[in-house]
Amino acid sequence: MRQPGMYSGMLSGIHGKTGPHSLPLARIKKIMKKSGNDVKMISGEAPIVLSKACELFIEELTRRSWAMTMQGKRRTLHKDDVASAVAATDIFDFLVNLVSEPPNADEDAPGGTNNMEH
């Protein structure tokens, strides 16, 4: 008889392995397998736990970003709100380089002012 896994208590709020999930478990499993050549087998619980972790992460980042939106007295969340939330929160330090734009990003975009010839 199979013993309950160590994450069984955490998973009790999720509607079973094949139930509805906010994030697609097949996609999560595919990303997990692509993460390295060493990853061959993935237990059934692992994508569920990662799905829940991703949901919690997105929820927390959204809440903090929305607070920045409200401080700006707006009702639409913008990329700058996410960047401000990341900058203001230590736990999101790993995202700082992803949300901050290079100084002249619009100049390098197609149709921008940077017309370098090769």
PDB file of N, CA and C in Angstrom:
ATOM      1  N   MET A   1       0.837  -1.183   0.000  1.00  0.00           N
ATOM      2  CA  MET A   1       0.000   0.000   0.000  1.00  0.00           C
ATOM      3  C   MET A   1       0.880   1.244   0.000  1.00  0.00           C
ATOM      4  N   ARG A   2       0.541   2.187  -0.841  1.00  0.00           N
ATOM      5  CA  ARG A   2       1.344   3.396  -0.987  1.00  0.00           C
ATOM      6  C   ARG A   2       1.080   4.364   0.163  1.00  0.00           C
ATOM      7  N   GLN A   3       2.161   4.909   0.702  1.00  0.00           N
ATOM      8  CA  GLN A   3       2.065   5.881   1.788  1.00  0.00           C
ATOM      9  C   GLN A   3       1.838   7.276   1.196  1.00  0.00           C
ATOM     10  N   PRO A   4       1.115   8.136   1.921  1.00  0.00           N
ATOM     11  CA  PRO A   4       0.954   9.502   1.415  1.00  0.00           C
ATOM     12  C   PRO A   4       2.287  10.217   1.374  1.00  0.00           C
ATOM     13  N   GLY A   5       2.504  10.999   0.332  1.00  0.00           N
ATOM     14  CA  GLY A   5       3.747  11.739   0.178  1.00  0.00           C
ATOM     15  C   GLY A   5       3.859  12.856   1.195  1.00  0.00           C
ATOM     16  N   MET A   6       5.049  13.394   1.319  1.00  0.00           N
ATOM     17  CA  MET A   6       5.271  14.433   2.312  1.00  0.00           C
ATOM     18  C   MET A   6       4.535  15.732   1.981  1.00  0.00           C
ATOM     19  N   TYR A   7       4.083  15.906   0.741  1.00  0.00           N
ATOM     20  CA  TYR A   7       3.371  17.115   0.351  1.00  0.00           C
ATOM     21  C   TYR A   7       1.859  16.920   0.338  1.00  0.00           C
ATOM     22  N   SER A   8       1.390  15.784   0.823  1.00  0.00           N
ATOM     23  CA  SER A   8      -0.037  15.493   0.784  1.00  0.00           C
ATOM     24  C   SER A   8      -0.864  16.542   1.504  1.00  0.00           C
ATOM     25  N   GLY A   9      -0.392  17.017   2.644  1.00  0.00           N
ATOM     26  CA  GLY A   9      -1.122  18.043   3.379  1.00  0.00           C
ATOM     27  C   GLY A   9      -1.209  19.331   2.589  1.00  0.00           C
ATOM     28  N   MET A  10      -0.137  19.685   1.912  1.00  0.00           N
ATOM     29  CA  MET A  10      -0.103  20.904   1.117  1.00  0.00           C
ATOM     30  C   MET A  10      -1.035  20.785  -0.078  1.00  0.00           C
ATOM     31  N   LEU A  11      -1.165  19.595  -0.595  1.00  0.00           N
ATOM     32  CA  LEU A  11      -1.942  19.381  -1.802  1.00  0.00           C
ATOM     33  C   LEU A  11      -3.429  19.215  -1.530  1.00  0.00           C
ATOM     34  N   SER A  12      -3.819  19.187  -0.254  1.00  0.00           N
ATOM     35  CA  SER A  12      -5.219  18.934   0.066  1.00  0.00           C
ATOM     36  C   SER A  12      -6.140  20.022  -0.473  1.00  0.00           C
ATOM     37  N   GLY A  13      -5.625  21.241  -0.645  1.00  0.00           N
ATOM     38  CA  GLY A  13      -6.425  22.330  -1.189  1.00  0.00           C
ATOM     39  C   GLY A  13      -6.551  22.279  -2.696  1.00  0.00           C
ATOM     40  N   ILE A  14      -5.836  21.371  -3.344  1.00  0.00           N
ATOM     41  CA  ILE A  14      -5.869  21.249  -4.800  1.00  0.00           C
ATOM     42  C   ILE A  14      -6.786  20.085  -5.153  1.00  0.00           C
ATOM     43  N   HIS A  15      -7.541  20.206  -6.202  1.00  0.00           N
ATOM     44  CA  HIS A  15      -8.569  19.223  -6.547  1.00  0.00           C
ATOM     45  C   HIS A  15      -8.006  17.982  -7.226  1.00  0.00           C
ATOM     46  N   GLY A  16      -7.117  17.271  -6.616  1.00  0.00           N
ATOM     47  CA  GLY A  16      -6.610  16.025  -7.166  1.00  0.00           C
ATOM     48  C   GLY A  16      -5.614  16.211  -8.290  1.00  0.00           C
ATOM     49  N   LYS A  17      -4.977  15.130  -8.677  1.00  0.00           N
ATOM     50  CA  LYS A  17      -3.923  15.199  -9.690  1.00  0.00           C
ATOM     51  C   LYS A  17      -4.469  15.530 -11.069  1.00  0.00           C
ATOM     52  N   THR A  18      -5.690  15.135 -11.345  1.00  0.00           N
ATOM     53  CA  THR A  18      -6.231  15.381 -12.679  1.00  0.00           C
ATOM     54  C   THR A  18      -7.311  16.453 -12.660  1.00  0.00           C
ATOM     55  N   GLY A  19      -7.526  17.077 -11.508  1.00  0.00           N
ATOM     56  CA  GLY A  19      -8.562  18.086 -11.373  1.00  0.00           C
ATOM     57  C   GLY A  19      -8.155  19.407 -11.993  1.00  0.00           C
ATOM     58  N   PRO A  20      -9.003  20.407 -11.817  1.00  0.00           N
ATOM     59  CA  PRO A  20      -8.716  21.716 -12.410  1.00  0.00           C
ATOM     60  C   PRO A  20      -7.539  22.415 -11.729  1.00  0.00           C
ATOM     61  N   HIS A  21      -6.666  22.943 -12.536  1.00  0.00           N
ATOM     62  CA  HIS A  21      -5.507  23.688 -12.049  1.00  0.00           C
ATOM     63  C   HIS A  21      -5.445  24.995 -12.823  1.00  0.00           C
ATOM     64  N   SER A  22      -4.935  26.009 -12.163  1.00  0.00           N
ATOM     65  CA  SER A  22      -4.835  27.300 -12.832  1.00  0.00           C
ATOM     66  C   SER A  22      -3.768  27.279 -13.921  1.00  0.00           C
ATOM     67  N   LEU A  23      -2.704  26.528 -13.691  1.00  0.00           N
ATOM     68  CA  LEU A  23      -1.622  26.438 -14.662  1.00  0.00           C
ATOM     69  C   LEU A  23      -1.588  25.025 -15.241  1.00  0.00           C
ATOM     70  N   PRO A  24      -1.290  24.894 -16.522  1.00  0.00           N
ATOM     71  CA  PRO A  24      -1.308  23.567 -17.163  1.00  0.00           C
ATOM     72  C   PRO A  24      -0.174  22.664 -16.664  1.00  0.00           C
ATOM     73  N   LEU A  25      -0.547  21.545 -16.057  1.00  0.00           N
ATOM     74  CA  LEU A  25       0.444  20.632 -15.488  1.00  0.00           C
ATOM     75  C   LEU A  25       1.346  20.020 -16.556  1.00  0.00           C
ATOM     76  N   ALA A  26       0.815  19.755 -17.730  1.00  0.00           N
ATOM     77  CA  ALA A  26       1.634  19.177 -18.801  1.00  0.00           C
ATOM     78  C   ALA A  26       2.743  20.142 -19.204  1.00  0.00           C
ATOM     79  N   ARG A  27       2.417  21.426 -19.251  1.00  0.00           N
ATOM     80  CA  ARG A  27       3.426  22.435 -19.612  1.00  0.00           C
ATOM     81  C   ARG A  27       4.484  22.545 -18.524  1.00  0.00           C
ATOM     82  N   ILE A  28       4.064  22.501 -17.281  1.00  0.00           N
ATOM     83  CA  ILE A  28       5.011  22.566 -16.163  1.00  0.00           C
ATOM     84  C   ILE A  28       5.957  21.364 -16.216  1.00  0.00           C
ATOM     85  N   LYS A  29       5.395  20.185 -16.463  1.00  0.00           N
ATOM     86  CA  LYS A  29       6.216  18.978 -16.544  1.00  0.00           C
ATOM     87  C   LYS A  29       7.215  19.076 -17.703  1.00  0.00           C
ATOM     88  N   LYS A  30       6.779  19.638 -18.827  1.00  0.00           N
ATOM     89  CA  LYS A  30       7.654  19.809 -19.988  1.00  0.00           C
ATOM     90  C   LYS A  30       8.817  20.748 -19.657  1.00  0.00           C
ATOM     91  N   ILE A  31       8.516  21.850 -18.966  1.00  0.00           N
ATOM     92  CA  ILE A  31       9.559  22.790 -18.556  1.00  0.00           C
ATOM     93  C   ILE A  31      10.514  22.113 -17.590  1.00  0.00           C
ATOM     94  N   MET A  32       9.992  21.323 -16.678  1.00  0.00           N
ATOM     95  CA  MET A  32      10.838  20.611 -15.716  1.00  0.00           C
ATOM     96  C   MET A  32      11.796  19.664 -16.436  1.00  0.00           C
ATOM     97  N   LYS A  33      11.302  18.963 -17.428  1.00  0.00           N
ATOM     98  CA  LYS A  33      12.153  18.017 -18.157  1.00  0.00           C
ATOM     99  C   LYS A  33      13.229  18.734 -18.966  1.00  0.00           C
ATOM    100  N   LYS A  34      12.925  19.937 -19.453  1.00  0.00           N
ATOM    101  CA  LYS A  34      13.898  20.709 -20.223  1.00  0.00           C
ATOM    102  C   LYS A  34      14.918  21.408 -19.338  1.00  0.00           C
ATOM    103  N   SER A  35      14.707  21.386 -18.025  1.00  0.00           N
ATOM    104  CA  SER A  35      15.575  22.131 -17.115  1.00  0.00           C
ATOM    105  C   SER A  35      16.985  21.562 -17.033  1.00  0.00           C
ATOM    106  N   GLY A  36      17.168  20.332 -17.428  1.00  0.00           N
ATOM    107  CA  GLY A  36      18.507  19.754 -17.400  1.00  0.00           C
ATOM    108  C   GLY A  36      18.511  18.339 -17.930  1.00  0.00           C
ATOM    109  N   ASN A  37      19.660  17.913 -18.368  1.00  0.00           N
ATOM    110  CA  ASN A  37      19.781  16.560 -18.913  1.00  0.00           C
ATOM    111  C   ASN A  37      19.627  15.496 -17.839  1.00  0.00           C
ATOM    112  N   ASP A  38      19.827  15.875 -16.584  1.00  0.00           N
ATOM    113  CA  ASP A  38      19.739  14.922 -15.487  1.00  0.00           C
ATOM    114  C   ASP A  38      18.297  14.564 -15.132  1.00  0.00           C
ATOM    115  N   VAL A  39      17.352  15.386 -15.532  1.00  0.00           N
ATOM    116  CA  VAL A  39      15.951  15.163 -15.175  1.00  0.00           C
ATOM    117  C   VAL A  39      15.338  14.188 -16.176  1.00  0.00           C
ATOM    118  N   LYS A  40      15.072  12.988 -15.714  1.00  0.00           N
ATOM    119  CA  LYS A  40      14.481  11.960 -16.577  1.00  0.00           C
ATOM    120  C   LYS A  40      13.048  11.640 -16.152  1.00  0.00           C
ATOM    121  N   MET A  41      12.869  11.413 -14.856  1.00  0.00           N
ATOM    122  CA  MET A  41      11.560  11.025 -14.328  1.00  0.00           C
ATOM    123  C   MET A  41      11.081  12.105 -13.360  1.00  0.00           C
ATOM    124  N   ILE A  42       9.786  12.376 -13.399  1.00  0.00           N
ATOM    125  CA  ILE A  42       9.187  13.374 -12.520  1.00  0.00           C
ATOM    126  C   ILE A  42       7.961  12.742 -11.871  1.00  0.00           C
ATOM    127  N   SER A  43       7.891  12.813 -10.547  1.00  0.00           N
ATOM    128  CA  SER A  43       6.750  12.225  -9.850  1.00  0.00           C
ATOM    129  C   SER A  43       5.481  12.989 -10.197  1.00  0.00           C
ATOM    130  N   GLY A  44       4.361  12.379  -9.950  1.00  0.00           N
ATOM    131  CA  GLY A  44       3.081  13.011 -10.241  1.00  0.00           C
ATOM    132  C   GLY A  44       2.806  14.222  -9.371  1.00  0.00           C
ATOM    133  N   GLU A  45       3.357  14.238  -8.168  1.00  0.00           N
ATOM    134  CA  GLU A  45       3.106  15.344  -7.247  1.00  0.00           C
ATOM    135  C   GLU A  45       3.948  16.583  -7.566  1.00  0.00           C
ATOM    136  N   ALA A  46       5.118  16.401  -8.164  1.00  0.00           N
ATOM    137  CA  ALA A  46       6.042  17.518  -8.383  1.00  0.00           C
ATOM    138  C   ALA A  46       5.433  18.637  -9.228  1.00  0.00           C
ATOM    139  N   PRO A  47       4.816  18.358 -10.374  1.00  0.00           N
ATOM    140  CA  PRO A  47       4.217  19.455 -11.147  1.00  0.00           C
ATOM    141  C   PRO A  47       3.070  20.140 -10.400  1.00  0.00           C
ATOM    142  N   ILE A  48       2.362  19.399  -9.573  1.00  0.00           N
ATOM    143  CA  ILE A  48       1.265  19.981  -8.801  1.00  0.00           C
ATOM    144  C   ILE A  48       1.809  20.963  -7.779  1.00  0.00           C
ATOM    145  N   VAL A  49       2.874  20.566  -7.094  1.00  0.00           N
ATOM    146  CA  VAL A  49       3.490  21.450  -6.098  1.00  0.00           C
ATOM    147  C   VAL A  49       4.053  22.697  -6.775  1.00  0.00           C
ATOM    148  N   LEU A  50       4.737  22.528  -7.904  1.00  0.00           N
ATOM    149  CA  LEU A  50       5.274  23.680  -8.623  1.00  0.00           C
ATOM    150  C   LEU A  50       4.159  24.577  -9.158  1.00  0.00           C
ATOM    151  N   SER A  51       3.057  23.987  -9.591  1.00  0.00           N
ATOM    152  CA  SER A  51       1.925  24.769 -10.060  1.00  0.00           C
ATOM    153  C   SER A  51       1.394  25.651  -8.939  1.00  0.00           C
ATOM    154  N   LYS A  52       1.246  25.074  -7.763  1.00  0.00           N
ATOM    155  CA  LYS A  52       0.764  25.839  -6.612  1.00  0.00           C
ATOM    156  C   LYS A  52       1.764  26.928  -6.232  1.00  0.00           C
ATOM    157  N   ALA A  53       3.050  26.621  -6.261  1.00  0.00           N
ATOM    158  CA  ALA A  53       4.083  27.610  -5.940  1.00  0.00           C
ATOM    159  C   ALA A  53       4.040  28.763  -6.938  1.00  0.00           C
ATOM    160  N   CYS A  54       3.858  28.457  -8.218  1.00  0.00           N
ATOM    161  CA  CYS A  54       3.769  29.500  -9.245  1.00  0.00           C
ATOM    162  C   CYS A  54       2.531  30.367  -9.028  1.00  0.00           C
ATOM    163  N   GLU A  55       1.413  29.748  -8.674  1.00  0.00           N
ATOM    164  CA  GLU A  55       0.197  30.499  -8.402  1.00  0.00           C
ATOM    165  C   GLU A  55       0.407  31.470  -7.246  1.00  0.00           C
ATOM    166  N   LEU A  56       1.026  31.002  -6.177  1.00  0.00           N
ATOM    167  CA  LEU A  56       1.278  31.850  -5.015  1.00  0.00           C
ATOM    168  C   LEU A  56       2.234  32.990  -5.357  1.00  0.00           C
ATOM    169  N   PHE A  57       3.250  32.683  -6.158  1.00  0.00           N
ATOM    170  CA  PHE A  57       4.215  33.699  -6.594  1.00  0.00           C
ATOM    171  C   PHE A  57       3.517  34.785  -7.414  1.00  0.00           C
ATOM    172  N   ILE A  58       2.718  34.371  -8.384  1.00  0.00           N
ATOM    173  CA  ILE A  58       2.012  35.318  -9.246  1.00  0.00           C
ATOM    174  C   ILE A  58       1.042  36.163  -8.420  1.00  0.00           C
ATOM    175  N   GLU A  59       0.361  35.519  -7.488  1.00  0.00           N
ATOM    176  CA  GLU A  59      -0.588  36.229  -6.630  1.00  0.00           C
ATOM    177  C   GLU A  59       0.116  37.300  -5.797  1.00  0.00           C
ATOM    178  N   GLU A  60       1.239  36.960  -5.195  1.00  0.00           N
ATOM    179  CA  GLU A  60       1.976  37.913  -4.356  1.00  0.00           C
ATOM    180  C   GLU A  60       2.525  39.071  -5.181  1.00  0.00           C
ATOM    181  N   LEU A  61       3.100  38.767  -6.326  1.00  0.00           N
ATOM    182  CA  LEU A  61       3.640  39.817  -7.195  1.00  0.00           C
ATOM    183  C   LEU A  61       2.516  40.729  -7.695  1.00  0.00           C
ATOM    184  N   THR A  62       1.379  40.165  -7.999  1.00  0.00           N
ATOM    185  CA  THR A  62       0.242  40.954  -8.463  1.00  0.00           C
ATOM    186  C   THR A  62      -0.277  41.868  -7.357  1.00  0.00           C
ATOM    187  N   ARG A  63      -0.378  41.342  -6.139  1.00  0.00           N
ATOM    188  CA  ARG A  63      -0.841  42.170  -5.019  1.00  0.00           C
ATOM    189  C   ARG A  63       0.075  43.365  -4.796  1.00  0.00           C
ATOM    190  N   ARG A  64       1.370  43.116  -4.801  1.00  0.00           N
ATOM    191  CA  ARG A  64       2.319  44.205  -4.583  1.00  0.00           C
ATOM    192  C   ARG A  64       2.321  45.187  -5.752  1.00  0.00           C
ATOM    193  N   SER A  65       2.148  44.680  -6.963  1.00  0.00           N
ATOM    194  CA  SER A  65       2.074  45.551  -8.138  1.00  0.00           C
ATOM    195  C   SER A  65       0.803  46.393  -8.096  1.00  0.00           C
ATOM    196  N   TRP A  66      -0.292  45.793  -7.671  1.00  0.00           N
ATOM    197  CA  TRP A  66      -1.553  46.521  -7.581  1.00  0.00           C
ATOM    198  C   TRP A  66      -1.462  47.633  -6.544  1.00  0.00           C
ATOM    199  N   ALA A  67      -0.730  47.393  -5.460  1.00  0.00           N
ATOM    200  CA  ALA A  67      -0.527  48.445  -4.454  1.00  0.00           C
ATOM    201  C   ALA A  67       0.177  49.644  -5.084  1.00  0.00           C
ATOM    202  N   MET A  68       1.140  49.379  -5.968  1.00  0.00           N
ATOM    203  CA  MET A  68       1.828  50.464  -6.673  1.00  0.00           C
ATOM    204  C   MET A  68       0.865  51.197  -7.611  1.00  0.00           C
ATOM    205  N   THR A  69      -0.029  50.471  -8.237  1.00  0.00           N
ATOM    206  CA  THR A  69      -1.034  51.063  -9.114  1.00  0.00           C
ATOM    207  C   THR A  69      -1.936  51.995  -8.311  1.00  0.00           C
ATOM    208  N   MET A  70      -2.367  51.538  -7.144  1.00  0.00           N
ATOM    209  CA  MET A  70      -3.249  52.340  -6.299  1.00  0.00           C
ATOM    210  C   MET A  70      -2.532  53.584  -5.771  1.00  0.00           C
ATOM    211  N   GLN A  71      -1.237  53.462  -5.485  1.00  0.00           N
ATOM    212  CA  GLN A  71      -0.475  54.633  -5.044  1.00  0.00           C
ATOM    213  C   GLN A  71      -0.435  55.691  -6.140  1.00  0.00           C
ATOM    214  N   GLY A  72      -0.419  55.247  -7.377  1.00  0.00           N
ATOM    215  CA  GLY A  72      -0.426  56.169  -8.510  1.00  0.00           C
ATOM    216  C   GLY A  72      -1.827  56.646  -8.871  1.00  0.00           C
ATOM    217  N   LYS A  73      -2.821  56.264  -8.058  1.00  0.00           N
ATOM    218  CA  LYS A  73      -4.224  56.657  -8.261  1.00  0.00           C
ATOM    219  C   LYS A  73      -4.722  56.275  -9.657  1.00  0.00           C
ATOM    220  N   ARG A  74      -4.363  55.052 -10.068  1.00  0.00           N
ATOM    221  CA  ARG A  74      -4.809  54.519 -11.351  1.00  0.00           C
ATOM    222  C   ARG A  74      -5.574  53.236 -11.116  1.00  0.00           C
ATOM    223  N   ARG A  75      -6.232  52.767 -12.159  1.00  0.00           N
ATOM    224  CA  ARG A  75      -6.983  51.520 -12.061  1.00  0.00           C
ATOM    225  C   ARG A  75      -6.489  50.482 -13.057  1.00  0.00           C
ATOM    226  N   THR A  76      -5.399  50.788 -13.744  1.00  0.00           N
ATOM    227  CA  THR A  76      -4.817  49.857 -14.703  1.00  0.00           C
ATOM    228  C   THR A  76      -3.383  49.556 -14.283  1.00  0.00           C
ATOM    229  N   LEU A  77      -3.084  48.289 -14.115  1.00  0.00           N
ATOM    230  CA  LEU A  77      -1.746  47.861 -13.719  1.00  0.00           C
ATOM    231  C   LEU A  77      -0.826  47.911 -14.937  1.00  0.00           C
ATOM    232  N   HIS A  78       0.316  48.589 -14.793  1.00  0.00           N
ATOM    233  CA  HIS A  78       1.276  48.741 -15.886  1.00  0.00           C
ATOM    234  C   HIS A  78       2.574  48.015 -15.550  1.00  0.00           C
ATOM    235  N   LYS A  79       3.399  47.854 -16.559  1.00  0.00           N
ATOM    236  CA  LYS A  79       4.704  47.218 -16.379  1.00  0.00           C
ATOM    237  C   LYS A  79       5.533  47.963 -15.325  1.00  0.00           C
ATOM    238  N   ASP A  80       5.427  49.271 -15.311  1.00  0.00           N
ATOM    239  CA  ASP A  80       6.172  50.068 -14.326  1.00  0.00           C
ATOM    240  C   ASP A  80       5.743  49.751 -12.897  1.00  0.00           C
ATOM    241  N   ASP A  81       4.471  49.387 -12.708  1.00  0.00           N
ATOM    242  CA  ASP A  81       3.991  49.011 -11.377  1.00  0.00           C
ATOM    243  C   ASP A  81       4.655  47.713 -10.923  1.00  0.00           C
ATOM    244  N   VAL A  82       4.790  46.778 -11.855  1.00  0.00           N
ATOM    245  CA  VAL A  82       5.459  45.515 -11.544  1.00  0.00           C
ATOM    246  C   VAL A  82       6.924  45.785 -11.218  1.00  0.00           C
ATOM    247  N   ALA A  83       7.563  46.624 -12.033  1.00  0.00           N
ATOM    248  CA  ALA A  83       8.978  46.961 -11.793  1.00  0.00           C
ATOM    249  C   ALA A  83       9.146  47.637 -10.435  1.00  0.00           C
ATOM    250  N   SER A  84       8.232  48.524 -10.074  1.00  0.00           N
ATOM    251  CA  SER A  84       8.302  49.202  -8.776  1.00  0.00           C
ATOM    252  C   SER A  84       8.107  48.221  -7.632  1.00  0.00           C
ATOM    253  N   ALA A  85       7.185  47.291  -7.800  1.00  0.00           N
ATOM    254  CA  ALA A  85       6.951  46.285  -6.763  1.00  0.00           C
ATOM    255  C   ALA A  85       8.180  45.405  -6.581  1.00  0.00           C
ATOM    256  N   VAL A  86       8.816  45.031  -7.679  1.00  0.00           N
ATOM    257  CA  VAL A  86      10.033  44.211  -7.622  1.00  0.00           C
ATOM    258  C   VAL A  86      11.147  44.983  -6.926  1.00  0.00           C
ATOM    259  N   ALA A  87      11.309  46.244  -7.279  1.00  0.00           N
ATOM    260  CA  ALA A  87      12.368  47.065  -6.690  1.00  0.00           C
ATOM    261  C   ALA A  87      12.147  47.290  -5.196  1.00  0.00           C
ATOM    262  N   ALA A  88      10.894  47.354  -4.777  1.00  0.00           N
ATOM    263  CA  ALA A  88      10.576  47.649  -3.382  1.00  0.00           C
ATOM    264  C   ALA A  88      10.553  46.417  -2.486  1.00  0.00           C
ATOM    265  N   THR A  89      10.696  45.225  -3.064  1.00  0.00           N
ATOM    266  CA  THR A  89      10.559  43.988  -2.289  1.00  0.00           C
ATOM    267  C   THR A  89      11.828  43.160  -2.402  1.00  0.00           C
ATOM    268  N   ASP A  90      12.453  42.909  -1.267  1.00  0.00           N
ATOM    269  CA  ASP A  90      13.713  42.159  -1.252  1.00  0.00           C
ATOM    270  C   ASP A  90      13.588  40.759  -1.833  1.00  0.00           C
ATOM    271  N   ILE A  91      12.476  40.092  -1.588  1.00  0.00           N
ATOM    272  CA  ILE A  91      12.348  38.710  -2.064  1.00  0.00           C
ATOM    273  C   ILE A  91      12.264  38.612  -3.580  1.00  0.00           C
ATOM    274  N   PHE A  92      12.016  39.742  -4.245  1.00  0.00           N
ATOM    275  CA  PHE A  92      11.941  39.751  -5.701  1.00  0.00           C
ATOM    276  C   PHE A  92      13.210  40.289  -6.347  1.00  0.00           C
ATOM    277  N   ASP A  93      14.284  40.376  -5.601  1.00  0.00           N
ATOM    278  CA  ASP A  93      15.548  40.910  -6.140  1.00  0.00           C
ATOM    279  C   ASP A  93      16.030  40.154  -7.377  1.00  0.00           C
ATOM    280  N   PHE A  94      15.733  38.877  -7.462  1.00  0.00           N
ATOM    281  CA  PHE A  94      16.186  38.089  -8.611  1.00  0.00           C
ATOM    282  C   PHE A  94      15.496  38.513  -9.909  1.00  0.00           C
ATOM    283  N   LEU A  95      14.453  39.317  -9.809  1.00  0.00           N
ATOM    284  CA  LEU A  95      13.723  39.779 -10.992  1.00  0.00           C
ATOM    285  C   LEU A  95      14.124  41.172 -11.458  1.00  0.00           C
ATOM    286  N   VAL A  96      14.968  41.846 -10.696  1.00  0.00           N
ATOM    287  CA  VAL A  96      15.291  43.243 -10.990  1.00  0.00           C
ATOM    288  C   VAL A  96      15.787  43.411 -12.423  1.00  0.00           C
ATOM    289  N   ASN A  97      16.678  42.568 -12.881  1.00  0.00           N
ATOM    290  CA  ASN A  97      17.227  42.697 -14.239  1.00  0.00           C
ATOM    291  C   ASN A  97      16.191  42.381 -15.316  1.00  0.00           C
ATOM    292  N   LEU A  98      15.179  41.607 -14.979  1.00  0.00           N
ATOM    293  CA  LEU A  98      14.156  41.256 -15.966  1.00  0.00           C
ATOM    294  C   LEU A  98      13.144  42.367 -16.185  1.00  0.00           C
ATOM    295  N   VAL A  99      12.858  43.132 -15.146  1.00  0.00           N
ATOM    296  CA  VAL A  99      11.815  44.150 -15.274  1.00  0.00           C
ATOM    297  C   VAL A  99      12.352  45.542 -15.564  1.00  0.00           C
ATOM    298  N   SER A 100      13.638  45.750 -15.361  1.00  0.00           N
ATOM    299  CA  SER A 100      14.197  47.070 -15.656  1.00  0.00           C
ATOM    300  C   SER A 100      14.664  47.103 -17.103  1.00  0.00           C
ATOM    301  N   GLU A 101      14.369  48.203 -17.752  1.00  0.00           N
ATOM    302  CA  GLU A 101      14.729  48.350 -19.160  1.00  0.00           C
ATOM    303  C   GLU A 101      16.111  48.976 -19.286  1.00  0.00           C
ATOM    304  N   PRO A 102      16.826  48.648 -20.350  1.00  0.00           N
ATOM    305  CA  PRO A 102      18.080  49.349 -20.617  1.00  0.00           C
ATOM    306  C   PRO A 102      17.785  50.833 -20.835  1.00  0.00           C
ATOM    307  N   PRO A 103      18.753  51.722 -20.584  1.00  0.00           N
ATOM    308  CA  PRO A 103      18.507  53.164 -20.666  1.00  0.00           C
ATOM    309  C   PRO A 103      17.919  53.632 -21.987  1.00  0.00           C
ATOM    310  N   ASN A 104      18.370  53.091 -23.108  1.00  0.00           N
ATOM    311  CA  ASN A 104      17.902  53.547 -24.419  1.00  0.00           C
ATOM    312  C   ASN A 104      17.244  52.411 -25.189  1.00  0.00           C
ATOM    313  N   ALA A 105      16.365  51.680 -24.553  1.00  0.00           N
ATOM    314  CA  ALA A 105      15.744  50.524 -25.187  1.00  0.00           C
ATOM    315  C   ALA A 105      14.903  50.924 -26.395  1.00  0.00           C
ATOM    316  N   ASP A 106      14.238  52.082 -26.330  1.00  0.00           N
ATOM    317  CA  ASP A 106      13.389  52.479 -27.446  1.00  0.00           C
ATOM    318  C   ASP A 106      14.200  52.862 -28.674  1.00  0.00           C
ATOM    319  N   GLU A 107      15.451  53.230 -28.496  1.00  0.00           N
ATOM    320  CA  GLU A 107      16.286  53.580 -29.640  1.00  0.00           C
ATOM    321  C   GLU A 107      16.709  52.348 -30.426  1.00  0.00           C
ATOM    322  N   ASP A 108      16.796  51.198 -29.756  1.00  0.00           N
ATOM    323  CA  ASP A 108      17.207  49.970 -30.440  1.00  0.00           C
ATOM    324  C   ASP A 108      16.029  49.233 -31.064  1.00  0.00           C
ATOM    325  N   ALA A 109      14.838  49.655 -30.765  1.00  0.00           N
ATOM    326  CA  ALA A 109      13.655  48.994 -31.302  1.00  0.00           C
ATOM    327  C   ALA A 109      13.512  49.317 -32.783  1.00  0.00           C
ATOM    328  N   PRO A 110      12.826  48.440 -33.543  1.00  0.00           N
ATOM    329  CA  PRO A 110      12.609  48.731 -34.965  1.00  0.00           C
ATOM    330  C   PRO A 110      11.880  50.055 -35.127  1.00  0.00           C
ATOM    331  N   GLY A 111      12.385  50.862 -36.003  1.00  0.00           N
ATOM    332  CA  GLY A 111      11.782  52.159 -36.216  1.00  0.00           C
ATOM    333  C   GLY A 111      12.270  53.213 -35.229  1.00  0.00           C
ATOM    334  N   GLY A 112      13.199  52.838 -34.369  1.00  0.00           N
ATOM    335  CA  GLY A 112      13.730  53.766 -33.379  1.00  0.00           C
ATOM    336  C   GLY A 112      14.717  54.725 -33.998  1.00  0.00           C
ATOM    337  N   THR A 113      15.395  55.495 -33.136  1.00  0.00           N
ATOM    338  CA  THR A 113      16.306  56.525 -33.629  1.00  0.00           C
ATOM    339  C   THR A 113      17.713  56.006 -33.861  1.00  0.00           C
ATOM    340  N   ASN A 114      17.988  54.777 -33.478  1.00  0.00           N
ATOM    341  CA  ASN A 114      19.320  54.206 -33.633  1.00  0.00           C
ATOM    342  C   ASN A 114      19.426  53.544 -35.003  1.00  0.00           C
ATOM    343  N   ASN A 115      20.023  54.204 -35.972  1.00  0.00           N
ATOM    344  CA  ASN A 115      20.152  53.698 -37.328  1.00  0.00           C
ATOM    345  C   ASN A 115      21.581  53.293 -37.627  1.00  0.00           C
ATOM    346  N   MET A 116      22.048  52.254 -36.980  1.00  0.00           N
ATOM    347  CA  MET A 116      23.414  51.787 -37.204  1.00  0.00           C
ATOM    348  C   MET A 116      23.488  51.034 -38.528  1.00  0.00           C
ATOM    349  N   GLU A 117      24.497  51.333 -39.311  1.00  0.00           N
ATOM    350  CA  GLU A 117      24.694  50.596 -40.573  1.00  0.00           C
ATOM    351  C   GLU A 117      25.791  49.574 -40.365  1.00  0.00           C
ATOM    352  N   HIS A 118      25.645  48.431 -41.022  1.00  0.00           N
ATOM    353  CA  HIS A 118      26.619  47.342 -40.861  1.00  0.00           C
ATOM    354  C   HIS A 118      27.608  47.348 -41.981  1.00  0.00           C
TER     355      HIS A 118
END
